[in-house]
Amino acid sequence: MQVHRWTSIDHEVMSPKIARRVIHSERMTTARIYLEKGGVVPRHSHDNEQISHVIEGRLLFEFDDQSFEVGAGEVMEIAPNEPHKVTALEDSMAMDVFGPVRTDWLSGDDAYLRNPSEGS
């Protein structure tokens, strides 16, 4: 058992308009993702199932065949290996939960988040 405090977790700046705080457990990863208006998470996919709960603001999730605007209090479910892109329509914060653990984030293999010009 362990208690985590978001205020004690490093605020990692990924790009000029995106930052995150991350907790990895044995089987899951959860993160607070902070996006300034106009911030873009470029198109990518991952082996993890993802639940993205928008806490503040409004995000546009774009998939190959459809798009969804998701606002505060709404949740986007993303299947494993589903390519997607996310754009902040206003200053936003989302709580993302991934299963299993995001090993790419643990290993630092998350360049798509660090280079906002790719895939936007």
C-alpha atoms as a PDB file:
ATOM      1  CA  MET A   1       0.000   0.000   0.000  1.00  0.00           C
ATOM      2  CA  GLN A   2       1.173   3.486  -0.741  1.00  0.00           C
ATOM      3  CA  VAL A   3      -0.289   6.983  -0.673  1.00  0.00           C
ATOM      4  CA  HIS A   4       0.732   9.331  -3.482  1.00  0.00           C
ATOM      5  CA  ARG A   5       0.333  13.107  -3.407  1.00  0.00           C
ATOM      6  CA  TRP A   6       0.113  14.872  -6.773  1.00  0.00           C
ATOM      7  CA  THR A   7       1.803  17.937  -5.281  1.00  0.00           C
ATOM      8  CA  SER A   8       4.858  15.801  -4.426  1.00  0.00           C
ATOM      9  CA  ILE A   9       5.219  14.332  -7.918  1.00  0.00           C
ATOM     10  CA  ASP A  10       7.500  16.026 -10.447  1.00  0.00           C
ATOM     11  CA  HIS A  11       5.713  18.332 -12.900  1.00  0.00           C
ATOM     12  CA  GLU A  12       7.386  17.167 -16.124  1.00  0.00           C
ATOM     13  CA  VAL A  13       7.256  19.643 -19.003  1.00  0.00           C
ATOM     14  CA  MET A  14       6.926  17.635 -22.228  1.00  0.00           C
ATOM     15  CA  SER A  15       6.589  20.510 -24.729  1.00  0.00           C
ATOM     16  CA  PRO A  16       5.751  24.218 -24.539  1.00  0.00           C
ATOM     17  CA  LYS A  17       2.014  23.450 -24.065  1.00  0.00           C
ATOM     18  CA  ILE A  18       1.999  19.995 -22.451  1.00  0.00           C
ATOM     19  CA  ALA A  19       3.111  18.789 -19.024  1.00  0.00           C
ATOM     20  CA  ARG A  20       2.369  15.767 -16.857  1.00  0.00           C
ATOM     21  CA  ARG A  21       2.644  14.160 -13.449  1.00  0.00           C
ATOM     22  CA  VAL A  22       2.830  10.337 -13.493  1.00  0.00           C
ATOM     23  CA  ILE A  23       2.357   7.472 -11.055  1.00  0.00           C
ATOM     24  CA  HIS A  24       3.321   3.919 -12.051  1.00  0.00           C
ATOM     25  CA  SER A  25       2.065   0.987  -9.998  1.00  0.00           C
ATOM     26  CA  GLU A  26       2.828  -2.672 -10.601  1.00  0.00           C
ATOM     27  CA  ARG A  27       0.096  -3.047 -13.262  1.00  0.00           C
ATOM     28  CA  MET A  28      -1.145   0.441 -14.139  1.00  0.00           C
ATOM     29  CA  THR A  29      -0.031   3.950 -14.980  1.00  0.00           C
ATOM     30  CA  THR A  30      -2.032   7.039 -14.112  1.00  0.00           C
ATOM     31  CA  ALA A  31      -1.158  10.578 -15.073  1.00  0.00           C
ATOM     32  CA  ARG A  32      -2.381  14.103 -14.787  1.00  0.00           C
ATOM     33  CA  ILE A  33      -1.899  15.643 -18.225  1.00  0.00           C
ATOM     34  CA  TYR A  34      -1.903  19.449 -18.454  1.00  0.00           C
ATOM     35  CA  LEU A  35      -2.545  20.989 -21.885  1.00  0.00           C
ATOM     36  CA  GLU A  36      -2.642  24.668 -22.715  1.00  0.00           C
ATOM     37  CA  LYS A  37      -5.139  25.780 -25.373  1.00  0.00           C
ATOM     38  CA  GLY A  38      -3.772  24.741 -28.767  1.00  0.00           C
ATOM     39  CA  GLY A  39      -1.530  22.052 -27.297  1.00  0.00           C
ATOM     40  CA  VAL A  40      -1.383  18.900 -29.412  1.00  0.00           C
ATOM     41  CA  VAL A  41      -0.570  15.314 -28.504  1.00  0.00           C
ATOM     42  CA  PRO A  42       0.424  14.091 -31.986  1.00  0.00           C
ATOM     43  CA  ARG A  43      -1.123  11.011 -33.551  1.00  0.00           C
ATOM     44  CA  HIS A  44       0.189   7.895 -31.857  1.00  0.00           C
ATOM     45  CA  SER A  45      -0.903   4.515 -30.568  1.00  0.00           C
ATOM     46  CA  HIS A  46       0.136   2.199 -27.752  1.00  0.00           C
ATOM     47  CA  ASP A  47      -0.521  -1.327 -26.529  1.00  0.00           C
ATOM     48  CA  ASN A  48      -2.307   0.028 -23.467  1.00  0.00           C
ATOM     49  CA  GLU A  49      -6.005   0.439 -22.911  1.00  0.00           C
ATOM     50  CA  GLN A  50      -6.618   4.083 -21.923  1.00  0.00           C
ATOM     51  CA  ILE A  51      -9.302   5.884 -19.954  1.00  0.00           C
ATOM     52  CA  SER A  52      -9.019   9.675 -20.210  1.00  0.00           C
ATOM     53  CA  HIS A  53     -11.162  11.629 -17.739  1.00  0.00           C
ATOM     54  CA  VAL A  54     -11.272  15.328 -18.586  1.00  0.00           C
ATOM     55  CA  ILE A  55     -11.181  17.164 -15.252  1.00  0.00           C
ATOM     56  CA  GLU A  56     -10.989  20.728 -16.623  1.00  0.00           C
ATOM     57  CA  GLY A  57     -11.339  22.226 -20.097  1.00  0.00           C
ATOM     58  CA  ARG A  58     -12.211  20.606 -23.416  1.00  0.00           C
ATOM     59  CA  LEU A  59     -10.224  18.190 -25.610  1.00  0.00           C
ATOM     60  CA  LEU A  60     -10.677  17.025 -29.190  1.00  0.00           C
ATOM     61  CA  PHE A  61      -9.838  13.319 -29.643  1.00  0.00           C
ATOM     62  CA  GLU A  62      -9.288  12.407 -33.310  1.00  0.00           C
ATOM     63  CA  PHE A  63      -9.342   8.820 -34.568  1.00  0.00           C
ATOM     64  CA  ASP A  64      -9.087   7.436 -38.109  1.00  0.00           C
ATOM     65  CA  ASP A  65     -12.857   7.315 -38.606  1.00  0.00           C
ATOM     66  CA  GLN A  66     -14.324   9.837 -36.129  1.00  0.00           C
ATOM     67  CA  SER A  67     -13.650  12.655 -33.665  1.00  0.00           C
ATOM     68  CA  PHE A  68     -15.024  13.454 -30.206  1.00  0.00           C
ATOM     69  CA  GLU A  69     -15.071  16.687 -28.219  1.00  0.00           C
ATOM     70  CA  VAL A  70     -14.781  15.714 -24.575  1.00  0.00           C
ATOM     71  CA  GLY A  71     -15.373  18.233 -21.786  1.00  0.00           C
ATOM     72  CA  ALA A  72     -15.012  18.428 -18.027  1.00  0.00           C
ATOM     73  CA  GLY A  73     -16.752  15.516 -16.331  1.00  0.00           C
ATOM     74  CA  GLU A  74     -16.655  13.322 -19.446  1.00  0.00           C
ATOM     75  CA  VAL A  75     -14.505  10.258 -20.088  1.00  0.00           C
ATOM     76  CA  MET A  76     -12.944   8.990 -23.340  1.00  0.00           C
ATOM     77  CA  GLU A  77     -12.226   5.254 -23.570  1.00  0.00           C
ATOM     78  CA  ILE A  78      -9.492   4.306 -26.048  1.00  0.00           C
ATOM     79  CA  ALA A  79      -8.871   0.699 -27.086  1.00  0.00           C
ATOM     80  CA  PRO A  80      -5.328  -0.688 -27.262  1.00  0.00           C
ATOM     81  CA  ASN A  81      -3.439   0.045 -30.512  1.00  0.00           C
ATOM     82  CA  GLU A  82      -6.026   2.650 -31.636  1.00  0.00           C
ATOM     83  CA  PRO A  83      -4.216   5.556 -33.365  1.00  0.00           C
ATOM     84  CA  HIS A  84      -5.328   8.897 -31.944  1.00  0.00           C
ATOM     85  CA  LYS A  85      -4.438  12.580 -31.687  1.00  0.00           C
ATOM     86  CA  VAL A  86      -5.556  15.021 -28.982  1.00  0.00           C
ATOM     87  CA  THR A  87      -5.890  18.803 -29.258  1.00  0.00           C
ATOM     88  CA  ALA A  88      -6.671  21.134 -26.352  1.00  0.00           C
ATOM     89  CA  LEU A  89      -9.593  23.367 -27.360  1.00  0.00           C
ATOM     90  CA  GLU A  90      -9.040  25.346 -24.144  1.00  0.00           C
ATOM     91  CA  ASP A  91      -6.682  25.083 -21.164  1.00  0.00           C
ATOM     92  CA  SER A  92      -7.319  21.553 -19.906  1.00  0.00           C
ATOM     93  CA  MET A  93      -6.331  18.895 -17.423  1.00  0.00           C
ATOM     94  CA  ALA A  94      -7.078  15.202 -17.874  1.00  0.00           C
ATOM     95  CA  MET A  95      -6.534  12.194 -15.643  1.00  0.00           C
ATOM     96  CA  ASP A  96      -5.357   9.316 -17.818  1.00  0.00           C
ATOM     97  CA  VAL A  97      -5.291   5.712 -16.630  1.00  0.00           C
ATOM     98  CA  PHE A  98      -3.480   3.029 -18.623  1.00  0.00           C
ATOM     99  CA  GLY A  99      -3.402  -0.732 -18.313  1.00  0.00           C
ATOM    100  CA  PRO A 100      -0.924  -2.279 -18.301  1.00  0.00           C
ATOM    101  CA  VAL A 101       1.905   0.029 -17.173  1.00  0.00           C
ATOM    102  CA  ARG A 102       3.232   2.476 -19.804  1.00  0.00           C
ATOM    103  CA  THR A 103       6.667   0.892 -20.175  1.00  0.00           C
ATOM    104  CA  ASP A 104       7.466   3.366 -22.971  1.00  0.00           C
ATOM    105  CA  TRP A 105       7.094   6.217 -20.458  1.00  0.00           C
ATOM    106  CA  LEU A 106       9.273   4.385 -17.931  1.00  0.00           C
ATOM    107  CA  SER A 107      12.016   3.870 -20.511  1.00  0.00           C
ATOM    108  CA  GLY A 108      11.780   7.435 -21.890  1.00  0.00           C
ATOM    109  CA  ASP A 109      10.528   6.221 -25.288  1.00  0.00           C
ATOM    110  CA  ASP A 110       7.844   8.934 -25.488  1.00  0.00           C
ATOM    111  CA  ALA A 111       9.323  11.312 -28.073  1.00  0.00           C
ATOM    112  CA  TYR A 112       5.901  11.864 -29.654  1.00  0.00           C
ATOM    113  CA  LEU A 113       4.998  13.928 -26.562  1.00  0.00           C
ATOM    114  CA  ARG A 114       8.292  15.823 -26.533  1.00  0.00           C
ATOM    115  CA  ASN A 115       8.259  16.933 -30.184  1.00  0.00           C
ATOM    116  CA  PRO A 116       5.038  18.879 -30.803  1.00  0.00           C
ATOM    117  CA  SER A 117       5.772  19.321 -34.528  1.00  0.00           C
ATOM    118  CA  GLU A 118       5.566  15.598 -35.299  1.00  0.00           C
ATOM    119  CA  GLY A 119       2.167  14.293 -36.305  1.00  0.00           C
ATOM    120  CA  SER A 120       0.263  17.510 -35.614  1.00  0.00           C
END
